[in-house]
Amino acid sequence: MPPIAVMVSRKLSLFLLLGFAAIALLAACGGDGGRGTARGQLTDPGTVPTATPWDEPPPITFPEDITATPGGGDGTPAAGQTPVIPGQCGDKYTVQAGDFPGSIAEKCGVDVQDLLEANPDVKPTDLHIGDVLNIPQ
């Protein structure tokens, strides 16, 4: 017959094992975590905060309707920029903040493709402020 200490140890181990199994079973079955809501109960939509809808939706602006303007948007050049009169860029144009090939071509009154062909060493997606471009005549 095994000593009493071994029997108590086995019973204690079995008790602890069954206790942990019961706790795991209860945790797996769920519960409301103290929230007091029954499982499967839906939230009342009237109590959910929502955004206030517009009285009238804002106007849609398409990219082709947007024109780049130098400076602060009022047509005045920003500090360090020289005003450009459309179609009067001369032989050279210095890239300014916000410029891209389409806006430069429009300012200088030339076709974008002609502008790009006149500057084969310039990548249209990699313009930097201060770059000097040849303007086709």
C-alpha atoms as a PDB file:
ATOM      1  CA  MET A   1       0.000   0.000   0.000  1.00  0.00           C
ATOM      2  CA  PRO A   2       1.419   3.453  -0.969  1.00  0.00           C
ATOM      3  CA  PRO A   3       2.307   5.919   1.755  1.00  0.00           C
ATOM      4  CA  ILE A   4      -0.324   8.479   2.739  1.00  0.00           C
ATOM      5  CA  ALA A   5       1.720  11.408   1.422  1.00  0.00           C
ATOM      6  CA  VAL A   6       1.704   9.888  -2.087  1.00  0.00           C
ATOM      7  CA  MET A   7      -2.066   9.317  -1.970  1.00  0.00           C
ATOM      8  CA  VAL A   8      -2.694  12.906  -0.796  1.00  0.00           C
ATOM      9  CA  SER A   9      -0.370  14.214  -3.507  1.00  0.00           C
ATOM     10  CA  ARG A  10      -2.225  12.232  -6.195  1.00  0.00           C
ATOM     11  CA  LYS A  11      -5.606  13.402  -4.924  1.00  0.00           C
ATOM     12  CA  LEU A  12      -4.403  16.993  -4.768  1.00  0.00           C
ATOM     13  CA  SER A  13      -3.015  16.765  -8.309  1.00  0.00           C
ATOM     14  CA  LEU A  14      -6.268  15.261  -9.562  1.00  0.00           C
ATOM     15  CA  PHE A  15      -8.261  17.969  -7.744  1.00  0.00           C
ATOM     16  CA  LEU A  16      -6.101  20.739  -9.229  1.00  0.00           C
ATOM     17  CA  LEU A  17      -6.324  19.207 -12.691  1.00  0.00           C
ATOM     18  CA  LEU A  18     -10.115  18.978 -12.484  1.00  0.00           C
ATOM     19  CA  GLY A  19     -10.272  22.537 -11.119  1.00  0.00           C
ATOM     20  CA  PHE A  20      -8.251  23.947 -14.019  1.00  0.00           C
ATOM     21  CA  ALA A  21     -10.358  21.934 -16.471  1.00  0.00           C
ATOM     22  CA  ALA A  22     -13.553  23.367 -14.959  1.00  0.00           C
ATOM     23  CA  ILE A  23     -12.199  26.919 -15.161  1.00  0.00           C
ATOM     24  CA  ALA A  24     -11.128  26.372 -18.774  1.00  0.00           C
ATOM     25  CA  LEU A  25     -14.550  24.960 -19.616  1.00  0.00           C
ATOM     26  CA  LEU A  26     -16.316  27.936 -18.058  1.00  0.00           C
ATOM     27  CA  ALA A  27     -14.055  30.374 -19.883  1.00  0.00           C
ATOM     28  CA  ALA A  28     -14.623  28.588 -23.204  1.00  0.00           C
ATOM     29  CA  CYS A  29     -18.395  28.700 -22.767  1.00  0.00           C
ATOM     30  CA  GLY A  30     -18.270  32.458 -22.763  1.00  0.00           C
ATOM     31  CA  GLY A  31     -19.957  34.871 -20.500  1.00  0.00           C
ATOM     32  CA  ASP A  32     -20.689  38.525 -20.663  1.00  0.00           C
ATOM     33  CA  GLY A  33     -17.568  39.596 -18.810  1.00  0.00           C
ATOM     34  CA  GLY A  34     -19.688  41.497 -16.326  1.00  0.00           C
ATOM     35  CA  ARG A  35     -21.332  43.660 -19.003  1.00  0.00           C
ATOM     36  CA  GLY A  36     -24.826  42.400 -18.211  1.00  0.00           C
ATOM     37  CA  THR A  37     -25.888  41.882 -21.837  1.00  0.00           C
ATOM     38  CA  ALA A  38     -27.387  38.604 -22.924  1.00  0.00           C
ATOM     39  CA  ARG A  39     -25.607  36.693 -25.639  1.00  0.00           C
ATOM     40  CA  GLY A  40     -27.146  37.362 -29.056  1.00  0.00           C
ATOM     41  CA  GLN A  41     -28.808  40.589 -27.953  1.00  0.00           C
ATOM     42  CA  LEU A  42     -28.534  43.342 -30.568  1.00  0.00           C
ATOM     43  CA  THR A  43     -27.685  46.971 -29.877  1.00  0.00           C
ATOM     44  CA  ASP A  44     -30.499  49.471 -30.273  1.00  0.00           C
ATOM     45  CA  PRO A  45     -29.561  51.574 -33.351  1.00  0.00           C
ATOM     46  CA  GLY A  46     -31.159  54.617 -31.749  1.00  0.00           C
ATOM     47  CA  THR A  47     -28.495  54.621 -29.034  1.00  0.00           C
ATOM     48  CA  VAL A  48     -25.488  54.406 -31.365  1.00  0.00           C
ATOM     49  CA  PRO A  49     -23.795  57.785 -31.969  1.00  0.00           C
ATOM     50  CA  THR A  50     -23.580  58.724 -35.643  1.00  0.00           C
ATOM     51  CA  ALA A  51     -22.229  61.566 -37.734  1.00  0.00           C
ATOM     52  CA  THR A  52     -24.592  64.387 -38.587  1.00  0.00           C
ATOM     53  CA  PRO A  53     -25.483  64.244 -42.298  1.00  0.00           C
ATOM     54  CA  TRP A  54     -24.912  67.237 -44.561  1.00  0.00           C
ATOM     55  CA  ASP A  55     -27.770  69.574 -45.333  1.00  0.00           C
ATOM     56  CA  GLU A  56     -26.384  69.584 -48.849  1.00  0.00           C
ATOM     57  CA  PRO A  57     -23.425  67.471 -50.027  1.00  0.00           C
ATOM     58  CA  PRO A  58     -20.253  69.377 -50.942  1.00  0.00           C
ATOM     59  CA  PRO A  59     -19.549  69.918 -54.631  1.00  0.00           C
ATOM     60  CA  ILE A  60     -17.410  67.324 -56.371  1.00  0.00           C
ATOM     61  CA  THR A  61     -14.081  68.618 -57.644  1.00  0.00           C
ATOM     62  CA  PHE A  62     -12.411  66.667 -60.415  1.00  0.00           C
ATOM     63  CA  PRO A  63      -8.593  66.713 -60.848  1.00  0.00           C
ATOM     64  CA  GLU A  64      -8.875  68.194 -64.334  1.00  0.00           C
ATOM     65  CA  ASP A  65     -10.774  71.158 -62.854  1.00  0.00           C
ATOM     66  CA  ILE A  66      -7.886  72.065 -60.532  1.00  0.00           C
ATOM     67  CA  THR A  67      -5.243  74.468 -61.778  1.00  0.00           C
ATOM     68  CA  ALA A  68      -1.949  75.008 -60.041  1.00  0.00           C
ATOM     69  CA  THR A  69      -1.234  78.577 -59.042  1.00  0.00           C
ATOM     70  CA  PRO A  70       2.128  79.787 -57.816  1.00  0.00           C
ATOM     71  CA  GLY A  71       2.254  81.359 -54.400  1.00  0.00           C
ATOM     72  CA  GLY A  72      -0.603  81.402 -51.954  1.00  0.00           C
ATOM     73  CA  GLY A  73      -3.391  80.547 -54.385  1.00  0.00           C
ATOM     74  CA  ASP A  74      -4.394  84.146 -55.094  1.00  0.00           C
ATOM     75  CA  GLY A  75      -2.191  84.395 -58.190  1.00  0.00           C
ATOM     76  CA  THR A  76       0.647  86.269 -56.483  1.00  0.00           C
ATOM     77  CA  PRO A  77       4.016  84.524 -56.579  1.00  0.00           C
ATOM     78  CA  ALA A  78       5.426  83.108 -53.360  1.00  0.00           C
ATOM     79  CA  ALA A  79       8.604  84.543 -51.857  1.00  0.00           C
ATOM     80  CA  GLY A  80      11.529  83.901 -54.186  1.00  0.00           C
ATOM     81  CA  GLN A  81       9.325  83.149 -57.190  1.00  0.00           C
ATOM     82  CA  THR A  82       9.116  85.323 -60.229  1.00  0.00           C
ATOM     83  CA  PRO A  83       5.720  85.968 -61.806  1.00  0.00           C
ATOM     84  CA  VAL A  84       5.191  84.183 -65.087  1.00  0.00           C
ATOM     85  CA  ILE A  85       2.958  85.627 -67.775  1.00  0.00           C
ATOM     86  CA  PRO A  86       1.378  82.777 -69.770  1.00  0.00           C
ATOM     87  CA  GLY A  87       3.138  82.296 -73.085  1.00  0.00           C
ATOM     88  CA  GLN A  88       6.057  84.527 -72.097  1.00  0.00           C
ATOM     89  CA  CYS A  89       8.617  82.279 -70.424  1.00  0.00           C
ATOM     90  CA  GLY A  90      11.456  82.979 -72.822  1.00  0.00           C
ATOM     91  CA  ASP A  91      14.031  80.334 -73.730  1.00  0.00           C
ATOM     92  CA  LYS A  92      14.484  79.025 -70.170  1.00  0.00           C
ATOM     93  CA  TYR A  93      12.162  78.397 -67.232  1.00  0.00           C
ATOM     94  CA  THR A  94      13.197  77.841 -63.611  1.00  0.00           C
ATOM     95  CA  VAL A  95      11.050  75.245 -61.818  1.00  0.00           C
ATOM     96  CA  GLN A  96       9.117  76.679 -58.875  1.00  0.00           C
ATOM     97  CA  ALA A  97       7.268  75.039 -55.986  1.00  0.00           C
ATOM     98  CA  GLY A  98       4.242  73.085 -57.181  1.00  0.00           C
ATOM     99  CA  ASP A  99       5.340  72.960 -60.815  1.00  0.00           C
ATOM    100  CA  PHE A 100       4.874  69.873 -62.954  1.00  0.00           C
ATOM    101  CA  PRO A 101       5.283  69.489 -66.731  1.00  0.00           C
ATOM    102  CA  GLY A 102       1.620  70.226 -67.490  1.00  0.00           C
ATOM    103  CA  SER A 103       1.552  73.417 -65.433  1.00  0.00           C
ATOM    104  CA  ILE A 104       4.860  74.622 -66.881  1.00  0.00           C
ATOM    105  CA  ALA A 105       3.653  73.978 -70.424  1.00  0.00           C
ATOM    106  CA  GLU A 106       0.448  75.880 -69.698  1.00  0.00           C
ATOM    107  CA  LYS A 107       2.323  78.828 -68.143  1.00  0.00           C
ATOM    108  CA  CYS A 108       4.701  79.018 -71.070  1.00  0.00           C
ATOM    109  CA  GLY A 109       2.088  78.441 -73.760  1.00  0.00           C
ATOM    110  CA  VAL A 110       3.688  75.302 -75.204  1.00  0.00           C
ATOM    111  CA  ASP A 111       2.636  71.688 -75.682  1.00  0.00           C
ATOM    112  CA  VAL A 112       3.646  69.307 -72.876  1.00  0.00           C
ATOM    113  CA  GLN A 113       5.125  66.816 -75.328  1.00  0.00           C
ATOM    114  CA  ASP A 114       7.227  69.584 -76.951  1.00  0.00           C
ATOM    115  CA  LEU A 115       8.430  70.652 -73.491  1.00  0.00           C
ATOM    116  CA  LEU A 116       9.482  67.095 -72.630  1.00  0.00           C
ATOM    117  CA  GLU A 117      11.222  66.629 -75.990  1.00  0.00           C
ATOM    118  CA  ALA A 118      13.157  69.886 -75.464  1.00  0.00           C
ATOM    119  CA  ASN A 119      14.415  68.496 -72.115  1.00  0.00           C
ATOM    120  CA  PRO A 120      15.321  64.826 -72.754  1.00  0.00           C
ATOM    121  CA  ASP A 121      17.604  64.649 -69.695  1.00  0.00           C
ATOM    122  CA  VAL A 122      14.811  65.705 -67.307  1.00  0.00           C
ATOM    123  CA  LYS A 123      12.497  63.088 -65.779  1.00  0.00           C
ATOM    124  CA  PRO A 124       8.964  64.562 -65.658  1.00  0.00           C
ATOM    125  CA  THR A 125       8.285  62.843 -62.323  1.00  0.00           C
ATOM    126  CA  ASP A 126      11.509  64.102 -60.744  1.00  0.00           C
ATOM    127  CA  LEU A 127      11.456  67.909 -61.062  1.00  0.00           C
ATOM    128  CA  HIS A 128      13.129  69.972 -58.350  1.00  0.00           C
ATOM    129  CA  ILE A 129      12.749  73.605 -57.419  1.00  0.00           C
ATOM    130  CA  GLY A 130      15.489  75.506 -59.208  1.00  0.00           C
ATOM    131  CA  ASP A 131      15.806  73.118 -62.180  1.00  0.00           C
ATOM    132  CA  VAL A 132      16.167  75.086 -65.426  1.00  0.00           C
ATOM    133  CA  LEU A 133      14.173  73.805 -68.398  1.00  0.00           C
ATOM    134  CA  ASN A 134      14.495  74.646 -72.068  1.00  0.00           C
ATOM    135  CA  ILE A 135      11.288  76.100 -73.475  1.00  0.00           C
ATOM    136  CA  PRO A 136      10.599  75.180 -77.116  1.00  0.00           C
ATOM    137  CA  GLN A 137       9.802  78.100 -79.419  1.00  0.00           C
END
